[in-house]
Amino acid sequence: MNYIIFDLEWNQCPQGKTRENPKLPFEIIEIGAIKLNEQREEIGRFQEVIRPLVYRKLHFRTKEVIPVTQDELAHARTFSPVIRDFFRWCGEDCRFVTWGSLDLNELQRNMDYYRISNPLPKPLFYYDLQKMFSILYDDGKSRMALEDAVDFLKIEKTIPFHRAFDDTYYTAEVMKKMDLDAVSWYESVDYHRPPQTREEEIFRDFKTYQKFVSKTFATKEEMMADKVVTSLKCTCCGLPVWRRVRWFSAGANTYLALAQCPRHGYVKGKIRIKKAADGNVFAVKTTKKADPAAVAQIRGKKEQIKAKRRERRGKKKTSKKTEA
């Protein structure tokens, strides 16, 4: 199996968000990739500028970040032939590697817009090297900029950043220096094409936490009424647990819960609500062991939300009395 490390650069509507095409908020204008074998030795390169067809002029922020000229874009090939050549170059037996979680989603969104058949596997698992770097060298939650990671590993900076191939080159150099075996099971799953049926739902055990990706639902309410989505089990033994704090909304798209295994202690659950391209919603549920600080945090969050609700109800009653 080979590794395909790639990076994209994209443009957005130069007239602002109100004038953008909602089906293509970001249009890819460059792709860069490096192919490594299983020994992480370089065996191929791919780089090409792409002529935009939707946002033909560069947004001012794009100009600030990416040193590409309008002349380069005007003489480049369009997205469809470039991306078909890219997938032929990738080959079949490969794993995609990115710095961050955005590139694969934007790649597929551009493919959808141009009605290009999606050759990627479903579900699509990949290495988000930025996340894996954090697990290996930091707290697992923070996300370091690529240039900072290069500095951390004392990699020589021989070319600038912020071109697709240049960022790919540095991502490959970071990957070569990382202890990949220590974090290889922390693969990421792409959400661009979420599960459509119960059989397609995804479950992964990452040793320190578990992840579940549900099928899609028409509404958030329907999703949160689904017993599979809201079920909680011990992450150590897999047995049912006692509910201590039932699922509650901790934000517009987040739910939290707390449970307890009689043998292994507290387990915390988190559901993030994601929106699919067709407008339906699906759940990304993570469960992990909860230490005393996490238990106190969830209980405190629940009480804080309850207090705010009581306060709002009190204000409404006072307002009605004043009006009367």
Protein backbone atom coordinates (compact mmCIF):
# COMPACT_ATOMS: atom_id res chain seq x y z
CA MET A 1 0.00 0.00 0.00
CA ASN A 2 1.20 3.51 -0.86
CA TYR A 3 0.57 6.79 0.93
CA ILE A 4 -0.84 9.71 -1.07
CA ILE A 5 0.00 12.91 0.78
CA PHE A 6 -1.81 15.81 -0.83
CA ASP A 7 -2.79 19.42 -0.31
CA LEU A 8 -5.25 21.69 -2.07
CA GLU A 9 -5.46 25.43 -2.52
CA TRP A 10 -8.83 26.98 -3.26
CA ASN A 11 -10.46 30.28 -4.11
CA GLN A 12 -13.77 31.75 -2.98
CA CYS A 13 -16.24 34.27 -4.36
CA PRO A 14 -14.39 37.60 -4.78
CA GLN A 15 -17.69 39.51 -4.37
CA GLY A 16 -18.28 38.03 -0.91
CA LYS A 17 -20.40 35.31 0.66
CA THR A 18 -23.73 36.76 -0.48
CA ARG A 19 -22.73 36.23 -4.13
CA GLU A 20 -21.18 32.76 -3.76
CA ASN A 21 -22.56 29.60 -5.34
CA PRO A 22 -23.86 27.55 -2.35
CA LYS A 23 -22.99 24.32 -4.15
CA LEU A 24 -19.35 25.40 -4.48
CA PRO A 25 -18.26 27.87 -1.80
CA PHE A 26 -14.60 26.95 -2.38
CA GLU A 27 -13.22 26.25 -5.85
CA ILE A 28 -9.96 24.29 -6.09
CA ILE A 29 -7.21 26.12 -8.00
CA GLU A 30 -4.19 23.92 -7.23
CA ILE A 31 -3.36 20.38 -6.17
CA GLY A 32 -0.04 19.02 -4.99
CA ALA A 33 0.74 15.44 -3.98
CA ILE A 34 3.60 13.11 -3.08
CA LYS A 35 3.41 9.33 -3.20
CA LEU A 36 5.32 7.33 -0.58
CA ASN A 37 5.71 3.56 -0.42
CA GLU A 38 5.22 1.51 2.76
CA GLN A 39 8.77 2.36 3.85
CA ARG A 40 7.84 6.05 3.46
CA GLU A 41 10.21 6.50 0.56
CA GLU A 42 9.16 8.93 -2.16
CA ILE A 43 8.12 7.22 -5.41
CA GLY A 44 6.16 9.94 -7.22
CA ARG A 45 5.02 13.55 -7.40
CA PHE A 46 1.94 15.31 -8.79
CA GLN A 47 1.41 19.06 -9.06
CA GLU A 48 -0.89 21.18 -11.20
CA VAL A 49 -2.55 24.58 -11.15
CA ILE A 50 -6.26 24.48 -12.05
CA ARG A 51 -8.16 27.09 -14.06
CA PRO A 52 -11.31 28.15 -12.15
CA LEU A 53 -14.63 28.26 -13.98
CA VAL A 54 -16.87 29.63 -11.22
CA TYR A 55 -14.77 32.24 -9.42
CA ARG A 56 -12.46 33.38 -12.22
CA LYS A 57 -10.95 36.26 -10.24
CA LEU A 58 -9.02 35.71 -7.02
CA HIS A 59 -10.51 36.71 -3.69
CA PHE A 60 -8.31 39.23 -1.89
CA ARG A 61 -7.57 36.74 0.91
CA THR A 62 -6.52 34.14 -1.65
CA LYS A 63 -4.10 36.67 -3.12
CA GLU A 64 -2.68 37.35 0.35
CA VAL A 65 -2.02 33.69 1.15
CA ILE A 66 -1.32 31.90 -2.13
CA PRO A 67 1.37 33.25 -4.50
CA VAL A 68 -0.46 32.29 -7.70
CA THR A 69 -1.15 34.76 -10.53
CA GLN A 70 -4.19 35.26 -12.75
CA ASP A 71 -1.94 34.48 -15.72
CA GLU A 72 -1.01 31.08 -14.25
CA LEU A 73 -4.69 30.28 -13.76
CA ALA A 74 -5.67 31.44 -17.25
CA HIS A 75 -3.20 29.04 -18.90
CA ALA A 76 -4.01 26.03 -16.70
CA ARG A 77 -6.28 23.06 -17.36
CA THR A 78 -9.72 22.89 -15.75
CA PHE A 79 -10.65 20.73 -12.76
CA SER A 80 -12.19 17.70 -14.48
CA PRO A 81 -9.20 16.49 -16.56
CA VAL A 82 -6.75 17.32 -13.78
CA ILE A 83 -8.58 15.34 -11.11
CA ARG A 84 -9.04 12.33 -13.40
CA ASP A 85 -5.28 12.31 -14.05
CA PHE A 86 -4.69 12.67 -10.32
CA PHE A 87 -6.70 9.56 -9.45
CA ARG A 88 -5.00 7.57 -12.21
CA TRP A 89 -1.65 8.66 -10.74
CA CYS A 90 -2.76 7.63 -7.23
CA GLY A 91 -3.45 4.01 -8.17
CA GLU A 92 -5.84 1.70 -6.36
CA ASP A 93 -3.98 0.49 -3.25
CA CYS A 94 -3.35 3.71 -1.36
CA ARG A 95 -4.16 5.63 1.79
CA PHE A 96 -4.71 9.38 1.68
CA VAL A 97 -2.81 11.62 4.09
CA THR A 98 -3.65 15.27 4.76
CA TRP A 99 -2.67 18.01 7.20
CA GLY A 100 -6.11 18.75 8.66
CA SER A 101 -9.58 17.48 7.86
CA LEU A 102 -10.77 19.87 5.13
CA ASP A 103 -9.05 18.78 1.92
CA LEU A 104 -10.89 15.51 1.22
CA ASN A 105 -14.27 17.15 1.81
CA GLU A 106 -13.51 20.04 -0.55
CA LEU A 107 -12.09 17.67 -3.15
CA GLN A 108 -15.32 15.66 -3.18
CA ARG A 109 -17.51 18.76 -3.12
CA ASN A 110 -15.75 20.01 -6.25
CA MET A 111 -16.19 16.56 -7.83
CA ASP A 112 -19.91 16.64 -7.01
CA TYR A 113 -20.25 20.07 -8.59
CA TYR A 114 -18.63 18.93 -11.84
CA ARG A 115 -20.52 15.61 -11.70
CA ILE A 116 -17.39 13.49 -11.60
CA SER A 117 -17.90 9.90 -10.45
CA ASN A 118 -16.39 9.44 -6.98
CA PRO A 119 -13.80 6.61 -7.04
CA LEU A 120 -12.96 6.88 -3.34
CA PRO A 121 -13.96 4.00 -1.04
CA LYS A 122 -16.95 4.31 1.27
CA PRO A 123 -16.43 4.64 4.15
CA LEU A 124 -13.25 6.59 3.46
CA PHE A 125 -10.60 6.26 6.15
CA TYR A 126 -7.52 8.46 5.96
CA TYR A 127 -4.68 9.83 8.05
CA ASP A 128 -5.16 13.36 9.35
CA LEU A 129 -1.51 13.93 10.14
CA GLN A 130 -2.25 17.13 12.04
CA LYS A 131 -4.43 15.20 14.50
CA MET A 132 -1.93 12.33 14.76
CA PHE A 133 0.90 14.80 15.36
CA SER A 134 -1.06 16.28 18.28
CA ILE A 135 -1.68 12.84 19.78
CA LEU A 136 2.00 11.95 19.48
CA TYR A 137 3.63 15.21 20.58
CA ASP A 138 0.95 17.33 22.29
CA ASP A 139 -2.35 16.95 24.17
CA GLY A 140 -4.30 15.29 21.34
CA LYS A 141 -6.76 18.20 21.19
CA SER A 142 -4.76 21.19 19.96
CA ARG A 143 -3.91 21.51 16.27
CA MET A 144 -0.50 22.85 15.29
CA ALA A 145 0.16 24.77 12.09
CA LEU A 146 2.26 22.87 9.56
CA GLU A 147 5.16 25.32 9.76
CA ASP A 148 5.21 25.01 13.56
CA ALA A 149 5.34 21.22 13.25
CA VAL A 150 8.25 21.55 10.82
CA ASP A 151 10.06 23.74 13.35
CA PHE A 152 9.24 21.34 16.20
CA LEU A 153 10.86 18.43 14.35
CA LYS A 154 13.78 20.63 13.24
CA ILE A 155 13.13 20.02 9.55
CA GLU A 156 15.12 22.29 7.25
CA LYS A 157 12.94 24.84 5.45
CA THR A 158 14.23 24.94 1.87
CA ILE A 159 11.10 26.21 0.07
CA PRO A 160 8.27 28.63 1.00
CA PHE A 161 4.90 27.53 2.39
CA HIS A 162 1.34 28.07 1.06
CA ARG A 163 1.58 26.47 -2.36
CA ALA A 164 -0.12 23.10 -2.65
CA PHE A 165 2.99 21.10 -3.53
CA ASP A 166 5.20 22.97 -1.05
CA ASP A 167 2.85 22.22 1.85
CA THR A 168 2.62 18.61 0.65
CA TYR A 169 6.41 18.37 0.65
CA TYR A 170 6.62 19.52 4.27
CA THR A 171 3.75 17.24 5.32
CA ALA A 172 5.66 14.31 3.82
CA GLU A 173 8.82 15.34 5.67
CA VAL A 174 6.88 15.50 8.95
CA MET A 175 5.36 12.07 8.28
CA LYS A 176 8.80 10.57 7.62
CA LYS A 177 10.00 11.72 11.04
CA MET A 178 6.93 10.69 13.04
CA ASP A 179 6.58 7.38 14.89
CA LEU A 180 3.62 6.46 12.70
CA ASP A 181 3.23 2.98 14.22
CA ALA A 182 2.46 4.55 17.61
CA VAL A 183 -0.60 6.40 16.25
CA SER A 184 -1.58 4.45 13.13
CA TRP A 185 -4.87 3.24 14.61
CA TYR A 186 -6.04 6.86 15.02
CA GLU A 187 -7.29 6.97 11.46
CA SER A 188 -9.93 9.55 10.58
CA VAL A 189 -13.18 8.96 8.74
CA ASP A 190 -14.40 11.31 6.03
CA TYR A 191 -17.95 12.62 6.52
CA HIS A 192 -18.67 13.86 3.00
CA ARG A 193 -20.69 10.72 2.23
CA PRO A 194 -22.22 9.66 5.58
CA PRO A 195 -23.86 6.24 6.09
CA GLN A 196 -27.32 5.92 4.57
CA THR A 197 -28.44 2.69 6.26
CA ARG A 198 -28.00 0.96 9.61
CA GLU A 199 -25.68 -1.55 7.95
CA GLU A 200 -23.37 1.24 6.76
CA GLU A 201 -22.97 2.83 10.20
CA ILE A 202 -19.37 3.11 11.37
CA PHE A 203 -17.88 2.08 14.71
CA ARG A 204 -14.22 2.45 15.63
CA ASP A 205 -12.37 1.65 18.86
CA PHE A 206 -9.29 3.86 19.22
CA LYS A 207 -8.21 2.36 22.59
CA THR A 208 -8.56 5.66 24.45
CA TYR A 209 -12.01 6.44 23.01
CA GLN A 210 -14.68 5.02 20.69
CA LYS A 211 -16.39 6.67 17.73
CA PHE A 212 -19.74 5.92 16.10
CA VAL A 213 -21.06 7.55 12.91
CA SER A 214 -24.79 7.09 12.42
CA LYS A 215 -26.94 6.87 9.34
CA THR A 216 -28.72 10.05 8.26
CA PHE A 217 -32.04 11.28 9.63
CA ALA A 218 -34.51 13.87 8.37
CA THR A 219 -34.42 15.89 11.60
CA LYS A 220 -32.34 16.34 14.74
CA GLU A 221 -35.33 15.28 16.85
CA GLU A 222 -35.70 12.01 14.94
CA MET A 223 -31.99 11.34 15.35
CA MET A 224 -31.97 11.96 19.12
CA ALA A 225 -34.99 9.65 19.52
CA ASP A 226 -33.06 6.79 17.93
CA LYS A 227 -31.95 4.24 20.56
CA VAL A 228 -28.83 3.21 18.65
CA VAL A 229 -27.64 6.81 18.47
CA THR A 230 -28.24 7.52 22.16
CA SER A 231 -27.11 4.16 23.58
CA LEU A 232 -24.06 4.11 25.86
CA LYS A 233 -21.85 1.17 26.80
CA CYS A 234 -18.70 0.81 28.84
CA THR A 235 -15.64 1.47 26.68
CA CYS A 236 -13.70 -1.20 28.62
CA CYS A 237 -16.06 -4.19 28.80
CA GLY A 238 -18.80 -3.24 26.34
CA LEU A 239 -21.60 -3.89 28.83
CA PRO A 240 -24.59 -1.59 29.40
CA VAL A 241 -24.08 1.25 31.88
CA TRP A 242 -26.20 3.17 34.36
CA ARG A 243 -27.33 6.59 33.15
CA ARG A 244 -26.21 9.31 35.56
CA VAL A 245 -26.80 12.39 33.39
CA ARG A 246 -29.09 11.88 30.42
CA TRP A 247 -28.32 13.42 27.05
CA PHE A 248 -28.72 17.18 27.15
CA SER A 249 -28.06 19.95 24.65
CA ALA A 250 -24.76 21.71 25.37
CA GLY A 251 -24.91 23.95 22.31
CA ALA A 252 -26.56 24.23 18.92
CA ASN A 253 -25.08 20.99 17.59
CA THR A 254 -23.67 19.21 20.64
CA TYR A 255 -25.16 16.83 23.22
CA LEU A 256 -23.46 15.45 26.34
CA ALA A 257 -24.24 12.53 28.66
CA LEU A 258 -22.71 10.73 31.63
CA ALA A 259 -23.01 7.07 32.57
CA GLN A 260 -21.38 4.66 35.01
CA CYS A 261 -20.13 1.09 34.67
CA PRO A 262 -20.25 -0.84 37.98
CA ARG A 263 -16.82 -2.31 37.22
CA HIS A 264 -14.93 0.40 35.33
CA GLY A 265 -16.37 3.70 36.51
CA TYR A 266 -17.71 6.70 34.65
CA VAL A 267 -18.12 7.00 30.88
CA LYS A 268 -18.85 10.28 29.11
CA GLY A 269 -20.64 10.58 25.80
CA LYS A 270 -20.64 13.38 23.25
CA ILE A 271 -22.81 13.66 20.15
CA ARG A 272 -21.94 16.18 17.44
CA ILE A 273 -24.67 16.79 14.90
CA LYS A 274 -23.41 16.99 11.33
CA LYS A 275 -25.30 18.10 8.24
CA ALA A 276 -25.13 16.01 5.07
CA ALA A 277 -25.05 17.50 1.57
CA ASP A 278 -28.73 16.56 1.03
CA GLY A 279 -29.84 18.50 4.12
CA ASN A 280 -30.30 15.48 6.37
CA VAL A 281 -28.41 15.16 9.66
CA PHE A 282 -26.27 12.44 11.22
CA ALA A 283 -24.53 11.86 14.53
CA VAL A 284 -20.86 11.52 15.35
CA LYS A 285 -20.82 10.01 18.83
CA THR A 286 -17.66 9.64 20.90
CA THR A 287 -17.44 7.80 24.22
CA LYS A 288 -14.52 7.60 26.60
CA LYS A 289 -13.69 7.02 30.25
CA ALA A 290 -14.34 10.05 32.43
CA ASP A 291 -12.04 11.10 35.27
CA PRO A 292 -13.41 13.03 38.30
CA ALA A 293 -12.71 16.38 36.61
CA ALA A 294 -14.69 15.37 33.50
CA VAL A 295 -17.56 14.08 35.66
CA ALA A 296 -17.69 17.38 37.55
CA GLN A 297 -17.50 19.35 34.31
CA ILE A 298 -20.49 17.58 32.75
CA ARG A 299 -22.57 17.83 35.92
CA GLY A 300 -21.66 21.51 36.22
CA LYS A 301 -22.55 22.16 32.58
CA LYS A 302 -25.95 20.54 33.06
CA GLU A 303 -26.68 22.62 36.17
CA GLN A 304 -25.51 25.79 34.43
CA ILE A 305 -27.92 25.20 31.54
CA LYS A 306 -30.79 24.44 33.94
CA ALA A 307 -30.07 27.66 35.86
CA LYS A 308 -30.13 29.71 32.65
CA ARG A 309 -33.46 28.18 31.67
CA ARG A 310 -34.94 29.03 35.09
CA GLU A 311 -33.62 32.57 34.73
CA ARG A 312 -35.22 32.97 31.28
CA ARG A 313 -38.55 31.62 32.56
CA GLY A 314 -38.40 34.05 35.47
CA LYS A 315 -37.79 37.00 33.14
CA LYS A 316 -40.74 35.98 30.95
CA LYS A 317 -43.08 35.83 33.97
CA THR A 318 -41.87 39.24 35.18
CA SER A 319 -42.38 40.70 31.70
CA LYS A 320 -45.96 39.39 31.51
CA LYS A 321 -46.82 40.83 34.94
CA THR A 322 -45.40 44.22 33.91
CA GLU A 323 -47.48 44.22 30.71
CA ALA A 324 -50.61 43.35 32.71
